N, C-alpha and C. Protein backbone atom coordinates (compact mmCIF):
# COMPACT_ATOMS: atom_id res chain seq x y z
N UNK A 1 -61.17 -11.71 126.03
CA UNK A 1 -60.45 -10.69 126.74
C UNK A 1 -58.98 -10.81 126.35
N UNK A 2 -58.36 -9.68 126.23
CA UNK A 2 -56.96 -9.60 125.83
C UNK A 2 -56.27 -8.56 126.68
N UNK A 3 -55.15 -8.92 127.25
CA UNK A 3 -54.35 -7.96 128.01
C UNK A 3 -53.25 -7.44 127.11
N UNK A 4 -53.17 -6.12 126.98
CA UNK A 4 -52.16 -5.54 126.11
C UNK A 4 -51.20 -4.67 126.89
N UNK A 5 -50.18 -4.24 126.23
CA UNK A 5 -49.13 -3.44 126.86
C UNK A 5 -49.28 -1.96 126.55
N UNK A 6 -50.24 -1.60 125.72
CA UNK A 6 -50.31 -0.21 125.26
C UNK A 6 -51.72 0.37 125.39
N UNK A 7 -52.02 1.02 126.51
CA UNK A 7 -53.34 1.61 126.68
C UNK A 7 -53.69 2.63 125.59
N UNK A 8 -52.71 3.36 125.10
CA UNK A 8 -53.00 4.36 124.06
C UNK A 8 -53.53 3.70 122.78
N UNK A 9 -52.96 2.57 122.42
CA UNK A 9 -53.45 1.83 121.26
C UNK A 9 -54.87 1.32 121.54
N UNK A 10 -55.10 0.82 122.75
CA UNK A 10 -56.43 0.33 123.12
C UNK A 10 -57.48 1.43 122.99
N UNK A 11 -57.15 2.63 123.46
CA UNK A 11 -58.09 3.75 123.35
C UNK A 11 -58.41 4.05 121.89
N UNK A 12 -57.40 4.04 121.05
CA UNK A 12 -57.62 4.28 119.62
C UNK A 12 -58.49 3.21 118.99
N UNK A 13 -58.25 1.96 119.34
CA UNK A 13 -59.06 0.86 118.80
C UNK A 13 -60.51 0.98 119.25
N UNK A 14 -60.72 1.34 120.50
CA UNK A 14 -62.08 1.51 121.01
C UNK A 14 -62.77 2.68 120.31
N UNK A 15 -62.09 3.79 120.18
CA UNK A 15 -62.68 4.99 119.57
C UNK A 15 -63.07 4.76 118.12
N UNK A 16 -62.30 3.96 117.40
CA UNK A 16 -62.65 3.72 115.99
C UNK A 16 -63.57 2.53 115.80
N UNK A 17 -63.93 1.85 116.90
CA UNK A 17 -64.87 0.73 116.82
C UNK A 17 -64.24 -0.60 116.47
N UNK A 18 -62.92 -0.70 116.56
CA UNK A 18 -62.24 -1.96 116.25
C UNK A 18 -62.33 -2.97 117.38
N UNK A 19 -62.57 -2.50 118.60
CA UNK A 19 -62.84 -3.39 119.72
C UNK A 19 -64.13 -2.90 120.39
N UNK A 20 -64.81 -3.81 121.07
CA UNK A 20 -66.12 -3.47 121.65
C UNK A 20 -66.03 -2.81 123.01
N UNK A 21 -64.91 -3.02 123.71
CA UNK A 21 -64.81 -2.43 125.04
C UNK A 21 -63.40 -2.52 125.59
N UNK A 22 -63.19 -1.79 126.68
CA UNK A 22 -61.89 -1.77 127.34
C UNK A 22 -62.10 -1.62 128.84
N UNK A 23 -61.25 -2.30 129.60
CA UNK A 23 -61.21 -2.13 131.05
C UNK A 23 -59.79 -1.76 131.41
N UNK A 24 -59.63 -0.68 132.12
CA UNK A 24 -58.31 -0.23 132.57
C UNK A 24 -58.26 -0.36 134.08
N UNK A 25 -57.29 -1.13 134.57
CA UNK A 25 -57.12 -1.29 136.01
C UNK A 25 -55.96 -0.41 136.47
N UNK A 26 -56.24 0.46 137.42
CA UNK A 26 -55.25 1.39 137.96
C UNK A 26 -54.48 2.08 136.83
N UNK A 27 -55.21 2.77 135.96
CA UNK A 27 -54.57 3.41 134.81
C UNK A 27 -53.67 4.57 135.20
N UNK A 28 -52.69 4.82 134.35
CA UNK A 28 -51.84 6.00 134.50
C UNK A 28 -52.74 7.23 134.34
N UNK A 29 -52.68 8.19 135.26
CA UNK A 29 -53.61 9.33 135.21
C UNK A 29 -53.55 10.13 133.91
N UNK A 30 -52.36 10.32 133.35
CA UNK A 30 -52.24 11.12 132.14
C UNK A 30 -52.79 10.37 130.93
N UNK A 31 -52.47 9.09 130.81
CA UNK A 31 -53.03 8.29 129.72
C UNK A 31 -54.54 8.18 129.85
N UNK A 32 -55.01 8.06 131.08
CA UNK A 32 -56.44 7.90 131.32
C UNK A 32 -57.22 9.14 130.89
N UNK A 33 -56.74 10.31 131.24
CA UNK A 33 -57.45 11.54 130.86
C UNK A 33 -57.54 11.68 129.34
N UNK A 34 -56.44 11.43 128.67
CA UNK A 34 -56.44 11.53 127.21
C UNK A 34 -57.35 10.46 126.60
N UNK A 35 -57.27 9.25 127.13
CA UNK A 35 -58.09 8.15 126.63
C UNK A 35 -59.57 8.38 126.84
N UNK A 36 -59.94 8.87 128.01
CA UNK A 36 -61.36 9.15 128.29
C UNK A 36 -61.89 10.23 127.35
N UNK A 37 -61.10 11.24 127.08
CA UNK A 37 -61.52 12.30 126.15
C UNK A 37 -61.73 11.73 124.75
N UNK A 38 -60.79 10.94 124.28
CA UNK A 38 -60.90 10.31 122.97
C UNK A 38 -62.15 9.44 122.89
N UNK A 39 -62.37 8.64 123.93
CA UNK A 39 -63.53 7.75 123.97
C UNK A 39 -64.84 8.54 124.00
N UNK A 40 -64.89 9.57 124.82
CA UNK A 40 -66.12 10.37 124.93
C UNK A 40 -66.46 11.03 123.60
N UNK A 41 -65.46 11.54 122.91
CA UNK A 41 -65.69 12.18 121.61
C UNK A 41 -66.19 11.18 120.58
N UNK A 42 -65.84 9.90 120.76
CA UNK A 42 -66.27 8.85 119.83
C UNK A 42 -67.62 8.26 120.21
N UNK A 43 -68.21 8.72 121.32
CA UNK A 43 -69.52 8.23 121.73
C UNK A 43 -69.50 6.98 122.59
N UNK A 44 -68.36 6.67 123.17
CA UNK A 44 -68.23 5.50 124.04
C UNK A 44 -68.99 5.75 125.34
N UNK A 45 -69.71 4.72 125.82
CA UNK A 45 -70.35 4.79 127.13
C UNK A 45 -69.37 4.23 128.15
N UNK A 46 -69.33 4.81 129.35
CA UNK A 46 -68.30 4.40 130.29
C UNK A 46 -68.74 4.54 131.73
N UNK A 47 -67.94 3.95 132.60
CA UNK A 47 -68.10 4.10 134.03
C UNK A 47 -66.71 3.96 134.65
N UNK A 48 -66.55 4.50 135.83
CA UNK A 48 -65.27 4.40 136.52
C UNK A 48 -65.54 4.16 138.00
N UNK A 49 -64.61 3.51 138.64
CA UNK A 49 -64.72 3.24 140.07
C UNK A 49 -63.36 3.31 140.70
N UNK A 50 -63.25 2.77 141.88
CA UNK A 50 -62.00 2.79 142.62
C UNK A 50 -60.96 1.91 141.93
N UNK A 51 -60.10 2.52 141.15
CA UNK A 51 -59.02 1.78 140.51
C UNK A 51 -59.34 1.17 139.16
N UNK A 52 -60.47 1.51 138.57
CA UNK A 52 -60.76 0.96 137.25
C UNK A 52 -61.56 1.95 136.40
N UNK A 53 -61.53 1.71 135.11
CA UNK A 53 -62.35 2.42 134.14
C UNK A 53 -62.83 1.36 133.15
N UNK A 54 -64.09 1.42 132.78
CA UNK A 54 -64.63 0.53 131.76
C UNK A 54 -65.37 1.37 130.73
N UNK A 55 -65.10 1.12 129.47
CA UNK A 55 -65.77 1.83 128.40
C UNK A 55 -66.15 0.85 127.30
N UNK A 56 -67.27 1.09 126.63
CA UNK A 56 -67.74 0.18 125.60
C UNK A 56 -68.53 0.93 124.53
N UNK A 57 -68.77 0.23 123.44
CA UNK A 57 -69.49 0.84 122.32
C UNK A 57 -70.98 0.97 122.59
N UNK A 58 -71.52 0.20 123.56
CA UNK A 58 -72.94 0.30 123.89
C UNK A 58 -73.17 -0.11 125.35
N UNK A 59 -74.37 0.18 125.85
CA UNK A 59 -74.70 -0.11 127.26
C UNK A 59 -74.65 -1.60 127.57
N UNK A 60 -75.10 -2.44 126.64
CA UNK A 60 -75.11 -3.89 126.86
C UNK A 60 -73.69 -4.43 127.05
N UNK A 61 -72.78 -3.99 126.21
CA UNK A 61 -71.39 -4.43 126.33
C UNK A 61 -70.77 -3.90 127.61
N UNK A 62 -71.08 -2.66 127.96
CA UNK A 62 -70.56 -2.09 129.20
C UNK A 62 -71.03 -2.90 130.40
N UNK A 63 -72.30 -3.27 130.42
CA UNK A 63 -72.84 -4.07 131.53
C UNK A 63 -72.12 -5.41 131.63
N UNK A 64 -71.82 -6.03 130.49
CA UNK A 64 -71.10 -7.31 130.49
C UNK A 64 -69.69 -7.14 131.03
N UNK A 65 -69.04 -6.04 130.68
CA UNK A 65 -67.69 -5.78 131.19
C UNK A 65 -67.71 -5.57 132.70
N UNK A 66 -68.67 -4.83 133.18
CA UNK A 66 -68.77 -4.55 134.61
C UNK A 66 -68.98 -5.83 135.40
N UNK A 67 -69.74 -6.77 134.84
CA UNK A 67 -69.97 -8.05 135.52
C UNK A 67 -68.69 -8.83 135.73
N UNK A 68 -67.69 -8.62 134.88
CA UNK A 68 -66.44 -9.37 135.00
C UNK A 68 -65.49 -8.79 136.04
N UNK A 69 -65.76 -7.58 136.49
CA UNK A 69 -64.87 -6.93 137.45
C UNK A 69 -65.04 -7.54 138.84
N UNK A 70 -63.95 -7.64 139.59
CA UNK A 70 -64.08 -8.16 140.96
C UNK A 70 -64.90 -7.21 141.83
N UNK A 71 -65.65 -7.77 142.73
CA UNK A 71 -66.46 -6.96 143.64
C UNK A 71 -65.55 -6.20 144.60
N UNK A 72 -65.93 -4.97 144.88
CA UNK A 72 -65.18 -4.17 145.86
C UNK A 72 -66.04 -3.99 147.09
N UNK A 73 -65.40 -3.95 148.21
CA UNK A 73 -66.14 -3.81 149.47
C UNK A 73 -65.87 -2.48 150.11
């Protein structure tokens, strides 16, 4: 896992397959909309919840990412 300072770069890396997945915690709404569109067009599988977004290159990786998220009540 790597924490970066640039969500836009992360979205590009995910869309081109350079990283296997991304988790965004409380993302900026404008960056998130653009990033989700880019990811969807690239075939990324994703899920979103209260304050987070997770996207990955496949269902198995997405499931592993979701397991790392803190439980919400």
